[in-house]
Amino acid sequence: LHAEAGKGQFEIALGHTVAAKAADNLIFTREVLRAVARKHGLLATFVPKFALDDIGSGSHVHLSLWQNGENVFMASDSSSKHGMSSVGEKFMAGVLHHLSSILAFTAPVPNRLL
């Protein structure tokens, strides 16, 4: 847990795990933080930019691809332009191709001032 650049913003790094468990951990963590904040008369919003005149940040995810205990996302040599293996490049192409659908779950509503 550490402070971020914006007023009242903090980052909590959750440990890595498989995707379904990571999603559960995120929801559980947010619900606990909301409840604790509410108990103390505070509001935990999780919006990337709470005030238009302040710095913003938002939730983010670090992705990795593993197969049989080996990282298959990164290239094993320096021949790749961006450091990704062909599997990594295909994965990222899939993310970009499906980005509008992914955003429906990861950013379903516009950031509104309270």
PDB file of N, CA and C in Angstrom:
ATOM      1  N   LEU A   1       0.860  -1.175   0.000  1.00  0.00           N
ATOM      2  CA  LEU A   1       0.000   0.000   0.000  1.00  0.00           C
ATOM      3  C   LEU A   1       0.898   1.227   0.000  1.00  0.00           C
ATOM      4  N   HIS A   2       0.651   2.139  -0.931  1.00  0.00           N
ATOM      5  CA  HIS A   2       1.390   3.395  -0.939  1.00  0.00           C
ATOM      6  C   HIS A   2       0.551   4.485  -1.601  1.00  0.00           C
ATOM      7  N   ALA A   3       0.906   5.725  -1.312  1.00  0.00           N
ATOM      8  CA  ALA A   3       0.184   6.865  -1.871  1.00  0.00           C
ATOM      9  C   ALA A   3       0.506   7.006  -3.352  1.00  0.00           C
ATOM     10  N   GLU A   4      -0.497   7.458  -4.115  1.00  0.00           N
ATOM     11  CA  GLU A   4      -0.319   7.790  -5.526  1.00  0.00           C
ATOM     12  C   GLU A   4      -0.176   9.308  -5.640  1.00  0.00           C
ATOM     13  N   ALA A   5      -0.088   9.806  -6.862  1.00  0.00           N
ATOM     14  CA  ALA A   5       0.178  11.231  -7.078  1.00  0.00           C
ATOM     15  C   ALA A   5      -1.018  12.128  -6.761  1.00  0.00           C
ATOM     16  N   GLY A   6      -2.239  11.660  -7.008  1.00  0.00           N
ATOM     17  CA  GLY A   6      -3.421  12.486  -6.790  1.00  0.00           C
ATOM     18  C   GLY A   6      -3.818  12.553  -5.326  1.00  0.00           C
ATOM     19  N   LYS A   7      -4.541  13.598  -4.971  1.00  0.00           N
ATOM     20  CA  LYS A   7      -5.016  13.771  -3.591  1.00  0.00           C
ATOM     21  C   LYS A   7      -5.915  12.590  -3.200  1.00  0.00           C
ATOM     22  N   GLY A   8      -5.602  11.964  -2.100  1.00  0.00           N
ATOM     23  CA  GLY A   8      -6.430  10.882  -1.592  1.00  0.00           C
ATOM     24  C   GLY A   8      -6.339   9.587  -2.372  1.00  0.00           C
ATOM     25  N   GLN A   9      -5.381   9.466  -3.271  1.00  0.00           N
ATOM     26  CA  GLN A   9      -5.246   8.241  -4.065  1.00  0.00           C
ATOM     27  C   GLN A   9      -4.168   7.347  -3.483  1.00  0.00           C
ATOM     28  N   PHE A  10      -4.481   6.061  -3.450  1.00  0.00           N
ATOM     29  CA  PHE A  10      -3.555   5.063  -2.935  1.00  0.00           C
ATOM     30  C   PHE A  10      -3.529   3.877  -3.876  1.00  0.00           C
ATOM     31  N   GLU A  11      -2.414   3.170  -3.873  1.00  0.00           N
ATOM     32  CA  GLU A  11      -2.297   1.946  -4.667  1.00  0.00           C
ATOM     33  C   GLU A  11      -2.136   0.771  -3.721  1.00  0.00           C
ATOM     34  N   ILE A  12      -2.895  -0.267  -3.993  1.00  0.00           N
ATOM     35  CA  ILE A  12      -2.768  -1.520  -3.262  1.00  0.00           C
ATOM     36  C   ILE A  12      -2.413  -2.583  -4.292  1.00  0.00           C
ATOM     37  N   ALA A  13      -1.266  -3.191  -4.129  1.00  0.00           N
ATOM     38  CA  ALA A  13      -0.832  -4.233  -5.058  1.00  0.00           C
ATOM     39  C   ALA A  13      -1.280  -5.588  -4.513  1.00  0.00           C
ATOM     40  N   LEU A  14      -2.111  -6.265  -5.286  1.00  0.00           N
ATOM     41  CA  LEU A  14      -2.546  -7.609  -4.920  1.00  0.00           C
ATOM     42  C   LEU A  14      -1.610  -8.611  -5.577  1.00  0.00           C
ATOM     43  N   GLY A  15      -1.394  -9.714  -4.933  1.00  0.00           N
ATOM     44  CA  GLY A  15      -0.474 -10.720  -5.458  1.00  0.00           C
ATOM     45  C   GLY A  15      -0.968 -11.355  -6.743  1.00  0.00           C
ATOM     46  N   HIS A  16      -0.041 -11.920  -7.495  1.00  0.00           N
ATOM     47  CA  HIS A  16      -0.407 -12.572  -8.758  1.00  0.00           C
ATOM     48  C   HIS A  16      -1.039 -13.932  -8.487  1.00  0.00           C
ATOM     49  N   THR A  17      -1.949 -14.294  -9.351  1.00  0.00           N
ATOM     50  CA  THR A  17      -2.618 -15.588  -9.294  1.00  0.00           C
ATOM     51  C   THR A  17      -3.338 -15.806 -10.615  1.00  0.00           C
ATOM     52  N   VAL A  18      -4.024 -16.908 -10.762  1.00  0.00           N
ATOM     53  CA  VAL A  18      -4.758 -17.183 -11.995  1.00  0.00           C
ATOM     54  C   VAL A  18      -5.896 -16.174 -12.144  1.00  0.00           C
ATOM     55  N   ALA A  19      -6.338 -15.958 -13.372  1.00  0.00           N
ATOM     56  CA  ALA A  19      -7.267 -14.871 -13.694  1.00  0.00           C
ATOM     57  C   ALA A  19      -8.547 -14.885 -12.859  1.00  0.00           C
ATOM     58  N   ALA A  20      -9.206 -16.029 -12.733  1.00  0.00           N
ATOM     59  CA  ALA A  20     -10.475 -16.074 -12.005  1.00  0.00           C
ATOM     60  C   ALA A  20     -10.282 -15.713 -10.536  1.00  0.00           C
ATOM     61  N   LYS A  21      -9.228 -16.200  -9.920  1.00  0.00           N
ATOM     62  CA  LYS A  21      -8.950 -15.878  -8.516  1.00  0.00           C
ATOM     63  C   LYS A  21      -8.543 -14.404  -8.384  1.00  0.00           C
ATOM     64  N   ALA A  22      -7.791 -13.883  -9.346  1.00  0.00           N
ATOM     65  CA  ALA A  22      -7.405 -12.472  -9.315  1.00  0.00           C
ATOM     66  C   ALA A  22      -8.647 -11.585  -9.366  1.00  0.00           C
ATOM     67  N   ALA A  23      -9.610 -11.941 -10.201  1.00  0.00           N
ATOM     68  CA  ALA A  23     -10.852 -11.164 -10.290  1.00  0.00           C
ATOM     69  C   ALA A  23     -11.610 -11.219  -8.966  1.00  0.00           C
ATOM     70  N   ASP A  24     -11.704 -12.397  -8.368  1.00  0.00           N
ATOM     71  CA  ASP A  24     -12.359 -12.525  -7.062  1.00  0.00           C
ATOM     72  C   ASP A  24     -11.639 -11.696  -6.007  1.00  0.00           C
ATOM     73  N   ASN A  25     -10.305 -11.756  -6.000  1.00  0.00           N
ATOM     74  CA  ASN A  25      -9.515 -10.985  -5.033  1.00  0.00           C
ATOM     75  C   ASN A  25      -9.757  -9.491  -5.190  1.00  0.00           C
ATOM     76  N   LEU A  26      -9.838  -9.025  -6.430  1.00  0.00           N
ATOM     77  CA  LEU A  26     -10.077  -7.604  -6.684  1.00  0.00           C
ATOM     78  C   LEU A  26     -11.433  -7.166  -6.137  1.00  0.00           C
ATOM     79  N   ILE A  27     -12.483  -7.925  -6.444  1.00  0.00           N
ATOM     80  CA  ILE A  27     -13.831  -7.572  -5.976  1.00  0.00           C
ATOM     81  C   ILE A  27     -13.892  -7.614  -4.452  1.00  0.00           C
ATOM     82  N   PHE A  28     -13.327  -8.649  -3.850  1.00  0.00           N
ATOM     83  CA  PHE A  28     -13.327  -8.760  -2.391  1.00  0.00           C
ATOM     84  C   PHE A  28     -12.595  -7.574  -1.761  1.00  0.00           C
ATOM     85  N   THR A  29     -11.441  -7.238  -2.292  1.00  0.00           N
ATOM     86  CA  THR A  29     -10.652  -6.118  -1.771  1.00  0.00           C
ATOM     87  C   THR A  29     -11.418  -4.808  -1.883  1.00  0.00           C
ATOM     88  N   ARG A  30     -12.030  -4.562  -3.020  1.00  0.00           N
ATOM     89  CA  ARG A  30     -12.800  -3.320  -3.194  1.00  0.00           C
ATOM     90  C   ARG A  30     -13.978  -3.253  -2.229  1.00  0.00           C
ATOM     91  N   GLU A  31     -14.676  -4.360  -2.060  1.00  0.00           N
ATOM     92  CA  GLU A  31     -15.830  -4.366  -1.152  1.00  0.00           C
ATOM     93  C   GLU A  31     -15.402  -4.124   0.293  1.00  0.00           C
ATOM     94  N   VAL A  32     -14.289  -4.724   0.710  1.00  0.00           N
ATOM     95  CA  VAL A  32     -13.783  -4.500   2.064  1.00  0.00           C
ATOM     96  C   VAL A  32     -13.385  -3.037   2.235  1.00  0.00           C
ATOM     97  N   LEU A  33     -12.661  -2.483   1.256  1.00  0.00           N
ATOM     98  CA  LEU A  33     -12.248  -1.079   1.348  1.00  0.00           C
ATOM     99  C   LEU A  33     -13.445  -0.138   1.382  1.00  0.00           C
ATOM    100  N   ARG A  34     -14.459  -0.402   0.573  1.00  0.00           N
ATOM    101  CA  ARG A  34     -15.665   0.444   0.590  1.00  0.00           C
ATOM    102  C   ARG A  34     -16.320   0.402   1.972  1.00  0.00           C
ATOM    103  N   ALA A  35     -16.447  -0.802   2.539  1.00  0.00           N
ATOM    104  CA  ALA A  35     -17.106  -0.958   3.839  1.00  0.00           C
ATOM    105  C   ALA A  35     -16.321  -0.260   4.946  1.00  0.00           C
ATOM    106  N   VAL A  36     -15.004  -0.411   4.951  1.00  0.00           N
ATOM    107  CA  VAL A  36     -14.174   0.228   5.976  1.00  0.00           C
ATOM    108  C   VAL A  36     -14.234   1.748   5.823  1.00  0.00           C
ATOM    109  N   ALA A  37     -14.155   2.235   4.598  1.00  0.00           N
ATOM    110  CA  ALA A  37     -14.242   3.685   4.366  1.00  0.00           C
ATOM    111  C   ALA A  37     -15.587   4.211   4.858  1.00  0.00           C
ATOM    112  N   ARG A  38     -16.664   3.531   4.490  1.00  0.00           N
ATOM    113  CA  ARG A  38     -18.013   3.955   4.887  1.00  0.00           C
ATOM    114  C   ARG A  38     -18.142   3.982   6.418  1.00  0.00           C
ATOM    115  N   LYS A  39     -17.569   2.989   7.083  1.00  0.00           N
ATOM    116  CA  LYS A  39     -17.617   2.920   8.549  1.00  0.00           C
ATOM    117  C   LYS A  39     -16.966   4.148   9.185  1.00  0.00           C
ATOM    118  N   HIS A  40     -15.990   4.737   8.492  1.00  0.00           N
ATOM    119  CA  HIS A  40     -15.275   5.900   9.013  1.00  0.00           C
ATOM    120  C   HIS A  40     -15.741   7.213   8.365  1.00  0.00           C
ATOM    121  N   GLY A  41     -16.898   7.167   7.709  1.00  0.00           N
ATOM    122  CA  GLY A  41     -17.455   8.377   7.109  1.00  0.00           C
ATOM    123  C   GLY A  41     -16.731   8.836   5.856  1.00  0.00           C
ATOM    124  N   LEU A  42     -16.024   7.922   5.199  1.00  0.00           N
ATOM    125  CA  LEU A  42     -15.278   8.248   3.983  1.00  0.00           C
ATOM    126  C   LEU A  42     -15.902   7.556   2.779  1.00  0.00           C
ATOM    127  N   LEU A  43     -15.484   7.964   1.594  1.00  0.00           N
ATOM    128  CA  LEU A  43     -15.980   7.376   0.355  1.00  0.00           C
ATOM    129  C   LEU A  43     -14.814   6.827  -0.451  1.00  0.00           C
ATOM    130  N   ALA A  44     -14.827   5.547  -0.724  1.00  0.00           N
ATOM    131  CA  ALA A  44     -13.834   4.925  -1.603  1.00  0.00           C
ATOM    132  C   ALA A  44     -14.475   4.810  -2.984  1.00  0.00           C
ATOM    133  N   THR A  45     -13.958   5.548  -3.970  1.00  0.00           N
ATOM    134  CA  THR A  45     -14.620   5.610  -5.276  1.00  0.00           C
ATOM    135  C   THR A  45     -14.028   4.696  -6.327  1.00  0.00           C
ATOM    136  N   PHE A  46     -12.717   4.518  -6.345  1.00  0.00           N
ATOM    137  CA  PHE A  46     -12.006   3.733  -7.353  1.00  0.00           C
ATOM    138  C   PHE A  46     -12.091   4.334  -8.758  1.00  0.00           C
ATOM    139  N   VAL A  47     -12.501   5.589  -8.855  1.00  0.00           N
ATOM    140  CA  VAL A  47     -12.501   6.250 -10.161  1.00  0.00           C
ATOM    141  C   VAL A  47     -11.078   6.714 -10.475  1.00  0.00           C
ATOM    142  N   PRO A  48     -10.693   6.695 -11.747  1.00  0.00           N
ATOM    143  CA  PRO A  48      -9.326   7.060 -12.110  1.00  0.00           C
ATOM    144  C   PRO A  48      -8.982   8.525 -11.866  1.00  0.00           C
ATOM    145  N   LYS A  49      -9.962   9.402 -11.973  1.00  0.00           N
ATOM    146  CA  LYS A  49      -9.696  10.834 -11.811  1.00  0.00           C
ATOM    147  C   LYS A  49     -10.896  11.436 -11.102  1.00  0.00           C
ATOM    148  N   PHE A  50     -10.767  11.655  -9.801  1.00  0.00           N
ATOM    149  CA  PHE A  50     -11.894  12.136  -8.996  1.00  0.00           C
ATOM    150  C   PHE A  50     -12.215  13.593  -9.270  1.00  0.00           C
ATOM    151  N   ALA A  51     -11.195  14.419  -9.433  1.00  0.00           N
ATOM    152  CA  ALA A  51     -11.395  15.855  -9.664  1.00  0.00           C
ATOM    153  C   ALA A  51     -10.730  16.265 -10.967  1.00  0.00           C
ATOM    154  N   LEU A  52     -11.401  17.104 -11.728  1.00  0.00           N
ATOM    155  CA  LEU A  52     -10.869  17.519 -13.020  1.00  0.00           C
ATOM    156  C   LEU A  52      -9.573  18.312 -12.909  1.00  0.00           C
ATOM    157  N   ASP A  53      -9.352  18.972 -11.774  1.00  0.00           N
ATOM    158  CA  ASP A  53      -8.161  19.797 -11.617  1.00  0.00           C
ATOM    159  C   ASP A  53      -7.027  19.081 -10.874  1.00  0.00           C
ATOM    160  N   ASP A  54      -7.096  17.769 -10.766  1.00  0.00           N
ATOM    161  CA  ASP A  54      -6.066  17.006 -10.060  1.00  0.00           C
ATOM    162  C   ASP A  54      -5.558  15.873 -10.951  1.00  0.00           C
ATOM    163  N   ILE A  55      -4.434  15.322 -10.574  1.00  0.00           N
ATOM    164  CA  ILE A  55      -3.837  14.188 -11.285  1.00  0.00           C
ATOM    165  C   ILE A  55      -4.722  12.963 -11.092  1.00  0.00           C
ATOM    166  N   GLY A  56      -4.809  12.128 -12.102  1.00  0.00           N
ATOM    167  CA  GLY A  56      -5.595  10.914 -11.990  1.00  0.00           C
ATOM    168  C   GLY A  56      -4.762   9.672 -12.203  1.00  0.00           C
ATOM    169  N   SER A  57      -5.268   8.585 -11.732  1.00  0.00           N
ATOM    170  CA  SER A  57      -4.690   7.265 -11.979  1.00  0.00           C
ATOM    171  C   SER A  57      -5.845   6.277 -11.914  1.00  0.00           C
ATOM    172  N   GLY A  58      -5.614   5.054 -12.222  1.00  0.00           N
ATOM    173  CA  GLY A  58      -6.712   4.105 -12.202  1.00  0.00           C
ATOM    174  C   GLY A  58      -6.239   2.696 -11.983  1.00  0.00           C
ATOM    175  N   SER A  59      -7.181   1.806 -11.903  1.00  0.00           N
ATOM    176  CA  SER A  59      -6.848   0.397 -11.735  1.00  0.00           C
ATOM    177  C   SER A  59      -6.102  -0.101 -12.958  1.00  0.00           C
ATOM    178  N   HIS A  60      -5.150  -0.960 -12.728  1.00  0.00           N
ATOM    179  CA  HIS A  60      -4.428  -1.544 -13.849  1.00  0.00           C
ATOM    180  C   HIS A  60      -4.045  -2.974 -13.493  1.00  0.00           C
ATOM    181  N   VAL A  61      -3.730  -3.716 -14.510  1.00  0.00           N
ATOM    182  CA  VAL A  61      -3.420  -5.132 -14.348  1.00  0.00           C
ATOM    183  C   VAL A  61      -2.094  -5.421 -15.027  1.00  0.00           C
ATOM    184  N   HIS A  62      -1.283  -6.203 -14.386  1.00  0.00           N
ATOM    185  CA  HIS A  62      -0.058  -6.703 -15.008  1.00  0.00           C
ATOM    186  C   HIS A  62      -0.350  -8.120 -15.471  1.00  0.00           C
ATOM    187  N   LEU A  63      -0.125  -8.381 -16.748  1.00  0.00           N
ATOM    188  CA  LEU A  63      -0.422  -9.693 -17.315  1.00  0.00           C
ATOM    189  C   LEU A  63       0.848 -10.484 -17.575  1.00  0.00           C
ATOM    190  N   SER A  64       0.742 -11.790 -17.425  1.00  0.00           N
ATOM    191  CA  SER A  64       1.834 -12.676 -17.822  1.00  0.00           C
ATOM    192  C   SER A  64       1.206 -13.958 -18.341  1.00  0.00           C
ATOM    193  N   LEU A  65       1.930 -14.649 -19.177  1.00  0.00           N
ATOM    194  CA  LEU A  65       1.454 -15.926 -19.731  1.00  0.00           C
ATOM    195  C   LEU A  65       2.470 -17.006 -19.370  1.00  0.00           C
ATOM    196  N   TRP A  66       1.993 -18.053 -18.749  1.00  0.00           N
ATOM    197  CA  TRP A  66       2.872 -19.133 -18.306  1.00  0.00           C
ATOM    198  C   TRP A  66       2.366 -20.465 -18.852  1.00  0.00           C
ATOM    199  N   GLN A  67       3.301 -21.323 -19.198  1.00  0.00           N
ATOM    200  CA  GLN A  67       2.978 -22.675 -19.629  1.00  0.00           C
ATOM    201  C   GLN A  67       4.048 -23.606 -19.070  1.00  0.00           C
ATOM    202  N   ASN A  68       3.615 -24.592 -18.310  1.00  0.00           N
ATOM    203  CA  ASN A  68       4.536 -25.544 -17.683  1.00  0.00           C
ATOM    204  C   ASN A  68       5.628 -24.842 -16.879  1.00  0.00           C
ATOM    205  N   GLY A  69       5.251 -23.811 -16.134  1.00  0.00           N
ATOM    206  CA  GLY A  69       6.197 -23.091 -15.292  1.00  0.00           C
ATOM    207  C   GLY A  69       7.137 -22.152 -16.025  1.00  0.00           C
ATOM    208  N   GLU A  70       6.900 -21.931 -17.319  1.00  0.00           N
ATOM    209  CA  GLU A  70       7.775 -21.070 -18.112  1.00  0.00           C
ATOM    210  C   GLU A  70       6.995 -19.865 -18.624  1.00  0.00           C
ATOM    211  N   ASN A  71       7.596 -18.687 -18.525  1.00  0.00           N
ATOM    212  CA  ASN A  71       6.989 -17.460 -19.031  1.00  0.00           C
ATOM    213  C   ASN A  71       7.039 -17.509 -20.562  1.00  0.00           C
ATOM    214  N   VAL A  72       5.880 -17.595 -21.192  1.00  0.00           N
ATOM    215  CA  VAL A  72       5.826 -17.674 -22.658  1.00  0.00           C
ATOM    216  C   VAL A  72       5.433 -16.337 -23.289  1.00  0.00           C
ATOM    217  N   PHE A  73       5.292 -15.306 -22.487  1.00  0.00           N
ATOM    218  CA  PHE A  73       4.951 -13.981 -22.996  1.00  0.00           C
ATOM    219  C   PHE A  73       6.184 -13.275 -23.544  1.00  0.00           C
ATOM    220  N   MET A  74       7.270 -13.360 -22.829  1.00  0.00           N
ATOM    221  CA  MET A  74       8.502 -12.666 -23.203  1.00  0.00           C
ATOM    222  C   MET A  74       9.296 -13.477 -24.227  1.00  0.00           C
ATOM    223  N   ALA A  75       9.966 -12.770 -25.109  1.00  0.00           N
ATOM    224  CA  ALA A  75      10.848 -13.421 -26.080  1.00  0.00           C
ATOM    225  C   ALA A  75      12.081 -13.943 -25.350  1.00  0.00           C
ATOM    226  N   SER A  76      12.591 -15.065 -25.803  1.00  0.00           N
ATOM    227  CA  SER A  76      13.767 -15.648 -25.148  1.00  0.00           C
ATOM    228  C   SER A  76      15.072 -15.047 -25.653  1.00  0.00           C
ATOM    229  N   ASP A  77      14.987 -14.239 -26.703  1.00  0.00           N
ATOM    230  CA  ASP A  77      16.194 -13.585 -27.225  1.00  0.00           C
ATOM    231  C   ASP A  77      15.861 -12.146 -27.607  1.00  0.00           C
ATOM    232  N   SER A  78      16.787 -11.440 -28.166  1.00  0.00           N
ATOM    233  CA  SER A  78      16.570 -10.027 -28.496  1.00  0.00           C
ATOM    234  C   SER A  78      16.058  -9.814 -29.912  1.00  0.00           C
ATOM    235  N   SER A  79      15.599 -10.882 -30.568  1.00  0.00           N
ATOM    236  CA  SER A  79      15.153 -10.744 -31.957  1.00  0.00           C
ATOM    237  C   SER A  79      13.791 -10.064 -32.085  1.00  0.00           C
ATOM    238  N   SER A  80      13.024 -10.039 -31.017  1.00  0.00           N
ATOM    239  CA  SER A  80      11.692  -9.444 -31.060  1.00  0.00           C
ATOM    240  C   SER A  80      11.774  -7.924 -30.933  1.00  0.00           C
ATOM    241  N   LYS A  81      11.017  -7.237 -31.745  1.00  0.00           N
ATOM    242  CA  LYS A  81      11.018  -5.770 -31.729  1.00  0.00           C
ATOM    243  C   LYS A  81      10.565  -5.213 -30.375  1.00  0.00           C
ATOM    244  N   HIS A  82       9.563  -5.849 -29.758  1.00  0.00           N
ATOM    245  CA  HIS A  82       9.005  -5.337 -28.509  1.00  0.00           C
ATOM    246  C   HIS A  82       9.295  -6.251 -27.316  1.00  0.00           C
ATOM    247  N   GLY A  83      10.130  -7.249 -27.501  1.00  0.00           N
ATOM    248  CA  GLY A  83      10.488  -8.143 -26.402  1.00  0.00           C
ATOM    249  C   GLY A  83       9.481  -9.234 -26.113  1.00  0.00           C
ATOM    250  N   MET A  84       8.466  -9.366 -26.989  1.00  0.00           N
ATOM    251  CA  MET A  84       7.443 -10.385 -26.787  1.00  0.00           C
ATOM    252  C   MET A  84       7.700 -11.578 -27.705  1.00  0.00           C
ATOM    253  N   SER A  85       7.334 -12.748 -27.207  1.00  0.00           N
ATOM    254  CA  SER A  85       7.396 -13.944 -28.035  1.00  0.00           C
ATOM    255  C   SER A  85       6.253 -13.892 -29.049  1.00  0.00           C
ATOM    256  N   SER A  86       6.243 -14.808 -29.988  1.00  0.00           N
ATOM    257  CA  SER A  86       5.122 -14.852 -30.945  1.00  0.00           C
ATOM    258  C   SER A  86       3.822 -15.156 -30.217  1.00  0.00           C
ATOM    259  N   VAL A  87       3.859 -15.973 -29.168  1.00  0.00           N
ATOM    260  CA  VAL A  87       2.661 -16.244 -28.361  1.00  0.00           C
ATOM    261  C   VAL A  87       2.206 -14.950 -27.679  1.00  0.00           C
ATOM    262  N   GLY A  88       3.164 -14.199 -27.122  1.00  0.00           N
ATOM    263  CA  GLY A  88       2.837 -12.923 -26.486  1.00  0.00           C
ATOM    264  C   GLY A  88       2.237 -11.926 -27.454  1.00  0.00           C
ATOM    265  N   GLU A  89       2.813 -11.860 -28.664  1.00  0.00           N
ATOM    266  CA  GLU A  89       2.283 -10.943 -29.673  1.00  0.00           C
ATOM    267  C   GLU A  89       0.863 -11.330 -30.083  1.00  0.00           C
ATOM    268  N   LYS A  90       0.612 -12.618 -30.225  1.00  0.00           N
ATOM    269  CA  LYS A  90      -0.743 -13.077 -30.583  1.00  0.00           C
ATOM    270  C   LYS A  90      -1.723 -12.781 -29.459  1.00  0.00           C
ATOM    271  N   PHE A  91      -1.279 -12.971 -28.218  1.00  0.00           N
ATOM    272  CA  PHE A  91      -2.136 -12.668 -27.077  1.00  0.00           C
ATOM    273  C   PHE A  91      -2.510 -11.186 -27.072  1.00  0.00           C
ATOM    274  N   MET A  92      -1.504 -10.318 -27.236  1.00  0.00           N
ATOM    275  CA  MET A  92      -1.772  -8.881 -27.233  1.00  0.00           C
ATOM    276  C   MET A  92      -2.646  -8.475 -28.418  1.00  0.00           C
ATOM    277  N   ALA A  93      -2.469  -9.115 -29.564  1.00  0.00           N
ATOM    278  CA  ALA A  93      -3.339  -8.842 -30.720  1.00  0.00           C
ATOM    279  C   ALA A  93      -4.782  -9.197 -30.374  1.00  0.00           C
ATOM    280  N   GLY A  94      -4.968 -10.299 -29.649  1.00  0.00           N
ATOM    281  CA  GLY A  94      -6.313 -10.678 -29.213  1.00  0.00           C
ATOM    282  C   GLY A  94      -6.906  -9.671 -28.244  1.00  0.00           C
ATOM    283  N   VAL A  95      -6.088  -9.162 -27.323  1.00  0.00           N
ATOM    284  CA  VAL A  95      -6.554  -8.141 -26.386  1.00  0.00           C
ATOM    285  C   VAL A  95      -6.986  -6.897 -27.163  1.00  0.00           C
ATOM    286  N   LEU A  96      -6.168  -6.444 -28.092  1.00  0.00           N
ATOM    287  CA  LEU A  96      -6.521  -5.261 -28.873  1.00  0.00           C
ATOM    288  C   LEU A  96      -7.764  -5.495 -29.726  1.00  0.00           C
ATOM    289  N   HIS A  97      -7.877  -6.669 -30.317  1.00  0.00           N
ATOM    290  CA  HIS A  97      -9.035  -6.991 -31.152  1.00  0.00           C
ATOM    291  C   HIS A  97     -10.333  -6.950 -30.332  1.00  0.00           C
ATOM    292  N   HIS A  98     -10.265  -7.425 -29.088  1.00  0.00           N
ATOM    293  CA  HIS A  98     -11.458  -7.524 -28.242  1.00  0.00           C
ATOM    294  C   HIS A  98     -11.557  -6.382 -27.220  1.00  0.00           C
ATOM    295  N   LEU A  99     -10.783  -5.329 -27.410  1.00  0.00           N
ATOM    296  CA  LEU A  99     -10.716  -4.262 -26.424  1.00  0.00           C
ATOM    297  C   LEU A  99     -12.074  -3.643 -26.108  1.00  0.00           C
ATOM    298  N   SER A 100     -12.906  -3.415 -27.096  1.00  0.00           N
ATOM    299  CA  SER A 100     -14.211  -2.794 -26.806  1.00  0.00           C
ATOM    300  C   SER A 100     -15.060  -3.690 -25.906  1.00  0.00           C
ATOM    301  N   SER A 101     -14.982  -5.000 -26.086  1.00  0.00           N
ATOM    302  CA  SER A 101     -15.717  -5.918 -25.213  1.00  0.00           C
ATOM    303  C   SER A 101     -15.094  -5.974 -23.824  1.00  0.00           C
ATOM    304  N   ILE A 102     -13.770  -5.959 -23.761  1.00  0.00           N
ATOM    305  CA  ILE A 102     -13.078  -5.974 -22.469  1.00  0.00           C
ATOM    306  C   ILE A 102     -13.439  -4.736 -21.675  1.00  0.00           C
ATOM    307  N   LEU A 103     -13.500  -3.580 -22.334  1.00  0.00           N
ATOM    308  CA  LEU A 103     -13.821  -2.325 -21.654  1.00  0.00           C
ATOM    309  C   LEU A 103     -15.235  -2.321 -21.078  1.00  0.00           C
ATOM    310  N   ALA A 104     -16.136  -3.083 -21.674  1.00  0.00           N
ATOM    311  CA  ALA A 104     -17.490  -3.169 -21.138  1.00  0.00           C
ATOM    312  C   ALA A 104     -17.486  -3.731 -19.715  1.00  0.00           C
ATOM    313  N   PHE A 105     -16.478  -4.537 -19.387  1.00  0.00           N
ATOM    314  CA  PHE A 105     -16.376  -5.101 -18.040  1.00  0.00           C
ATOM    315  C   PHE A 105     -15.407  -4.328 -17.153  1.00  0.00           C
ATOM    316  N   THR A 106     -14.357  -3.790 -17.727  1.00  0.00           N
ATOM    317  CA  THR A 106     -13.333  -3.138 -16.913  1.00  0.00           C
ATOM    318  C   THR A 106     -13.587  -1.648 -16.702  1.00  0.00           C
ATOM    319  N   ALA A 107     -14.320  -1.013 -17.591  1.00  0.00           N
ATOM    320  CA  ALA A 107     -14.632   0.417 -17.459  1.00  0.00           C
ATOM    321  C   ALA A 107     -16.055   0.654 -17.969  1.00  0.00           C
ATOM    322  N   PRO A 108     -17.067   0.112 -17.258  1.00  0.00           N
ATOM    323  CA  PRO A 108     -18.429   0.121 -17.786  1.00  0.00           C
ATOM    324  C   PRO A 108     -19.148   1.454 -17.729  1.00  0.00           C
ATOM    325  N   VAL A 109     -18.682   2.375 -16.901  1.00  0.00           N
ATOM    326  CA  VAL A 109     -19.374   3.660 -16.788  1.00  0.00           C
ATOM    327  C   VAL A 109     -18.355   4.793 -16.909  1.00  0.00           C
ATOM    328  N   PRO A 110     -18.794   5.939 -17.410  1.00  0.00           N
ATOM    329  CA  PRO A 110     -17.870   7.078 -17.480  1.00  0.00           C
ATOM    330  C   PRO A 110     -17.572   7.607 -16.092  1.00  0.00           C
ATOM    331  N   ASN A 111     -16.428   8.237 -15.953  1.00  0.00           N
ATOM    332  CA  ASN A 111     -16.037   8.853 -14.703  1.00  0.00           C
ATOM    333  C   ASN A 111     -16.892  10.105 -14.523  1.00  0.00           C
ATOM    334  N   ARG A 112     -17.674  10.155 -13.455  1.00  0.00           N
ATOM    335  CA  ARG A 112     -18.517  11.316 -13.174  1.00  0.00           C
ATOM    336  C   ARG A 112     -18.105  11.909 -11.849  1.00  0.00           C
ATOM    337  N   LEU A 113     -18.137  13.213 -11.780  1.00  0.00           N
ATOM    338  CA  LEU A 113     -17.858  13.875 -10.509  1.00  0.00           C
ATOM    339  C   LEU A 113     -19.028  13.651  -9.567  1.00  0.00           C
ATOM    340  N   LEU A 114     -18.705  13.487  -8.307  1.00  0.00           N
ATOM    341  CA  LEU A 114     -19.771  13.244  -7.322  1.00  0.00           C
ATOM    342  C   LEU A 114     -20.395  14.521  -6.829  1.00  0.00           C
TER     343      LEU A 114
END
